[in-house]
Amino acid sequence: MTLSDQLQRLVDLGLPALADVTPADLATATAGLDVGPGDVLAVHPALAPPSALAPLLSRQGKQGFVVHDMTDLDDFHPTPDVVVPDRPLYVVSGVDRGDDMANWSPEEAAPAIARRGRTPLTISEGISWLLQQPEVLEPNRCFMCIGSRKPRPKGYDARTPALWISGGTGHDGPARRNAPKVGWCWWRNRHTWLGFASAAGRH
């Protein structure tokens, strides 16, 4: 998708009203950006936090949501090794879902991503990707965004953000079956259906 296509997509989804800006403001925010194949126009959390972006997601007519026990989603910030451009909209290049790391733990995936010369996606970037390409989220092919962690007095919260498809059970409720879902997994746990999204860089 071209830069103008991705910008229009954000406008159509309602980002201007959500962020209290105009479409013209968003267009101005893309000045100087280039988008190539595999690149995604990402929304900086200062423009709209991930908890606000999540309901803009959709799948099979179902609205995206954040799990009930992650009310602190917006407290998950980029890790020190993740440098996010200081602008409302920026480009994440060479995005990959990380399917080859399915059934790895975040603890195992983080150094492997670094060794590959890549950078893990933040949760805002993961949501931004799905806003542009909802089809990326597939059954048994979902992903974690370990570029975001919640700081604690000593280290980090053991939860790590992820994006997957609701089964409509438990607190989700049957009405949310097949909806895109922002959830979390433990830092040292493995899941066969979760890869680790990463990018070649940001600008």
Protein backbone atom coordinates (compact mmCIF):
# COMPACT_ATOMS: atom_id res chain seq x y z
CA MET A 1 0.00 0.00 0.00
CA THR A 2 1.23 3.48 -0.81
CA LEU A 3 1.69 6.18 1.79
CA SER A 4 -1.44 7.98 0.59
CA ASP A 5 -3.44 4.72 0.71
CA GLN A 6 -2.34 4.03 4.27
CA LEU A 7 -3.04 7.58 5.34
CA GLN A 8 -6.52 7.43 3.83
CA ARG A 9 -7.12 4.13 5.59
CA LEU A 10 -6.40 5.77 8.97
CA VAL A 11 -8.71 8.64 8.10
CA ASP A 12 -11.49 6.25 7.06
CA LEU A 13 -11.11 4.29 10.29
CA GLY A 14 -11.70 7.45 12.33
CA LEU A 15 -8.23 8.31 13.61
CA PRO A 16 -8.73 12.09 13.21
CA ALA A 17 -11.69 12.16 15.60
CA LEU A 18 -9.99 9.74 17.96
CA ALA A 19 -6.83 11.85 18.14
CA ASP A 20 -8.68 15.19 17.97
CA VAL A 21 -6.88 16.25 14.79
CA THR A 22 -7.96 16.92 11.22
CA PRO A 23 -7.18 14.79 8.16
CA ALA A 24 -5.01 17.68 7.00
CA ASP A 25 -3.04 17.45 10.27
CA LEU A 26 -2.38 13.77 9.59
CA ALA A 27 -1.30 14.53 6.05
CA THR A 28 1.15 17.11 7.36
CA ALA A 29 2.49 14.54 9.82
CA THR A 30 3.53 12.29 6.91
CA ALA A 31 5.68 14.95 5.25
CA GLY A 32 9.05 13.50 4.24
CA LEU A 33 8.05 9.89 4.80
CA ASP A 34 8.56 7.15 2.21
CA VAL A 35 6.75 3.83 2.21
CA GLY A 36 8.08 0.80 0.38
CA PRO A 37 6.87 -2.81 0.05
CA GLY A 38 6.34 -4.35 3.47
CA ASP A 39 6.33 -0.97 5.21
CA VAL A 40 3.63 0.19 7.61
CA LEU A 41 2.54 3.69 8.61
CA ALA A 42 2.57 3.50 12.40
CA VAL A 43 0.63 5.61 14.88
CA HIS A 44 2.75 6.98 17.71
CA PRO A 45 1.12 6.37 21.13
CA ALA A 46 1.34 10.10 21.84
CA LEU A 47 -1.12 10.65 18.99
CA ALA A 48 -3.43 7.81 20.04
CA PRO A 49 -2.58 5.25 22.74
CA PRO A 50 -2.91 1.54 21.94
CA SER A 51 -5.99 1.15 24.13
CA ALA A 52 -7.75 3.71 21.92
CA LEU A 53 -6.49 2.19 18.66
CA ALA A 54 -7.58 -1.36 19.50
CA PRO A 55 -11.32 -0.74 18.93
CA LEU A 56 -10.51 0.45 15.38
CA LEU A 57 -9.43 -3.09 14.55
CA SER A 58 -11.96 -5.38 12.94
CA ARG A 59 -12.25 -8.94 11.67
CA GLN A 60 -15.28 -10.64 10.18
CA GLY A 61 -17.35 -7.65 11.25
CA LYS A 62 -16.19 -7.90 14.87
CA GLN A 63 -14.60 -4.93 16.62
CA GLY A 64 -11.19 -5.24 18.24
CA PHE A 65 -10.81 -5.05 22.00
CA VAL A 66 -8.36 -5.23 24.89
CA VAL A 67 -8.63 -8.12 27.36
CA HIS A 68 -10.30 -7.31 30.67
CA ASP A 69 -7.14 -7.86 32.72
CA MET A 70 -4.95 -5.48 30.73
CA THR A 71 -6.47 -2.14 31.69
CA ASP A 72 -2.89 -0.88 32.01
CA LEU A 73 -2.06 -1.48 28.33
CA ASP A 74 -0.95 2.12 27.83
CA ASP A 75 1.69 1.66 30.53
CA PHE A 76 3.58 -0.75 28.26
CA HIS A 77 6.32 1.38 26.68
CA PRO A 78 9.07 0.73 24.11
CA THR A 79 12.05 -1.09 25.61
CA PRO A 80 15.39 0.76 25.69
CA ASP A 81 16.61 -1.03 22.56
CA VAL A 82 13.57 0.15 20.56
CA VAL A 83 13.95 3.70 19.23
CA VAL A 84 10.60 5.09 18.12
CA PRO A 85 10.73 8.24 15.94
CA ASP A 86 9.49 11.35 17.72
CA ARG A 87 6.67 12.17 15.32
CA PRO A 88 2.90 11.46 15.27
CA LEU A 89 3.12 9.10 12.29
CA TYR A 90 6.22 7.20 11.22
CA VAL A 91 7.20 4.23 9.07
CA VAL A 92 8.07 0.74 10.25
CA SER A 93 9.97 -1.03 7.47
CA GLY A 94 10.23 -4.69 6.52
CA VAL A 95 7.56 -5.96 8.90
CA ASP A 96 7.41 -9.72 9.49
CA ARG A 97 5.05 -11.80 11.63
CA GLY A 98 7.80 -14.08 12.94
CA ASP A 99 6.04 -17.37 12.26
CA ASP A 100 9.35 -19.24 12.42
CA MET A 101 9.55 -18.38 16.13
CA ALA A 102 6.17 -19.89 16.99
CA ASN A 103 6.40 -21.89 20.21
CA TRP A 104 9.32 -19.78 21.44
CA SER A 105 9.06 -17.76 24.64
CA PRO A 106 9.53 -13.99 24.55
CA GLU A 107 12.67 -14.51 26.61
CA GLU A 108 14.06 -16.73 23.83
CA ALA A 109 12.83 -14.62 20.93
CA ALA A 110 14.18 -11.22 22.04
CA PRO A 111 17.91 -12.03 21.64
CA ALA A 112 17.27 -13.98 18.44
CA ILE A 113 15.54 -10.97 16.86
CA ALA A 114 18.48 -8.78 17.87
CA ARG A 115 20.99 -11.25 16.38
CA ARG A 116 19.14 -11.01 13.09
CA GLY A 117 19.65 -7.26 13.08
CA ARG A 118 15.94 -6.66 13.46
CA THR A 119 13.80 -4.87 16.03
CA PRO A 120 10.65 -6.20 17.79
CA LEU A 121 7.39 -4.42 17.14
CA THR A 122 5.75 -2.39 19.88
CA ILE A 123 2.08 -3.03 20.58
CA SER A 124 1.15 0.27 18.89
CA GLU A 125 3.05 -0.83 15.79
CA GLY A 126 1.40 -4.23 15.82
CA ILE A 127 -2.04 -2.63 15.97
CA SER A 128 -1.06 -0.14 13.26
CA TRP A 129 -0.05 -3.07 11.03
CA LEU A 130 -3.42 -4.76 11.49
CA LEU A 131 -5.27 -1.51 10.85
CA GLN A 132 -3.66 -1.49 7.41
CA GLN A 133 -3.69 -5.24 6.76
CA PRO A 134 -6.33 -7.02 8.87
CA GLU A 135 -5.71 -10.24 6.96
CA VAL A 136 -2.30 -10.59 8.61
CA LEU A 137 -4.07 -11.91 11.72
CA GLU A 138 -4.89 -15.53 10.92
CA PRO A 139 -6.04 -18.50 13.01
CA ASN A 140 -2.96 -20.15 14.54
CA ARG A 141 -0.77 -17.45 12.98
CA CYS A 142 -0.91 -14.58 15.45
CA PHE A 143 1.93 -12.65 17.05
CA MET A 144 3.47 -11.01 20.07
CA CYS A 145 4.80 -7.45 20.29
CA ILE A 146 7.68 -7.70 22.72
CA GLY A 147 9.04 -4.27 21.84
CA SER A 148 6.64 -3.03 24.55
CA ARG A 149 7.12 -3.84 28.23
CA LYS A 150 5.75 -2.35 31.43
CA PRO A 151 8.55 -1.14 33.74
CA ARG A 152 8.55 -2.24 37.36
CA PRO A 153 10.74 -0.98 40.23
CA LYS A 154 12.95 -3.98 39.50
CA GLY A 155 12.85 -5.05 35.85
CA TYR A 156 9.61 -5.48 33.94
CA ASP A 157 6.10 -6.81 34.34
CA ALA A 158 6.11 -10.50 33.38
CA ARG A 159 3.25 -9.95 30.93
CA THR A 160 4.10 -9.23 27.29
CA PRO A 161 1.55 -7.84 24.77
CA ALA A 162 0.19 -9.96 21.95
CA LEU A 163 -2.41 -9.80 19.19
CA TRP A 164 -4.62 -12.76 18.40
CA ILE A 165 -8.18 -13.85 17.62
CA SER A 166 -10.74 -14.28 20.36
CA GLY A 167 -12.35 -17.68 20.78
CA GLY A 168 -15.36 -16.04 22.45
CA THR A 169 -14.82 -17.83 25.73
CA GLY A 170 -14.48 -16.61 29.32
CA HIS A 171 -14.54 -12.86 29.88
CA ASP A 172 -14.46 -12.21 26.11
CA GLY A 173 -18.02 -13.47 25.69
CA PRO A 174 -19.56 -15.30 22.69
CA ALA A 175 -20.32 -12.03 20.89
CA ARG A 176 -16.58 -11.43 20.51
CA ARG A 177 -15.78 -14.76 18.90
CA ASN A 178 -13.38 -14.20 15.95
CA ALA A 179 -12.71 -10.58 16.97
CA PRO A 180 -9.13 -9.25 16.98
CA LYS A 181 -7.87 -9.14 20.54
CA VAL A 182 -5.07 -7.35 22.38
CA GLY A 183 -3.93 -9.64 25.14
CA TRP A 184 -0.80 -10.79 26.88
CA CYS A 185 1.38 -13.82 27.59
CA TRP A 186 4.01 -14.53 30.20
CA TRP A 187 7.63 -13.63 29.39
CA ARG A 188 8.81 -17.23 29.75
CA ASN A 189 5.84 -19.08 28.24
CA ARG A 190 5.61 -20.64 24.77
CA HIS A 191 2.58 -20.81 22.48
CA THR A 192 2.44 -22.75 19.22
CA TRP A 193 0.18 -20.15 17.62
CA LEU A 194 2.14 -17.01 18.49
CA GLY A 195 5.11 -15.73 16.50
CA PHE A 196 7.12 -12.58 17.25
CA ALA A 197 6.56 -9.60 14.99
CA SER A 198 9.64 -7.62 14.06
CA ALA A 199 10.84 -4.99 11.60
CA ALA A 200 13.98 -4.08 9.73
CA GLY A 201 13.85 -0.53 11.08
CA ARG A 202 11.90 2.68 11.67
CA HIS A 203 12.00 6.17 10.20
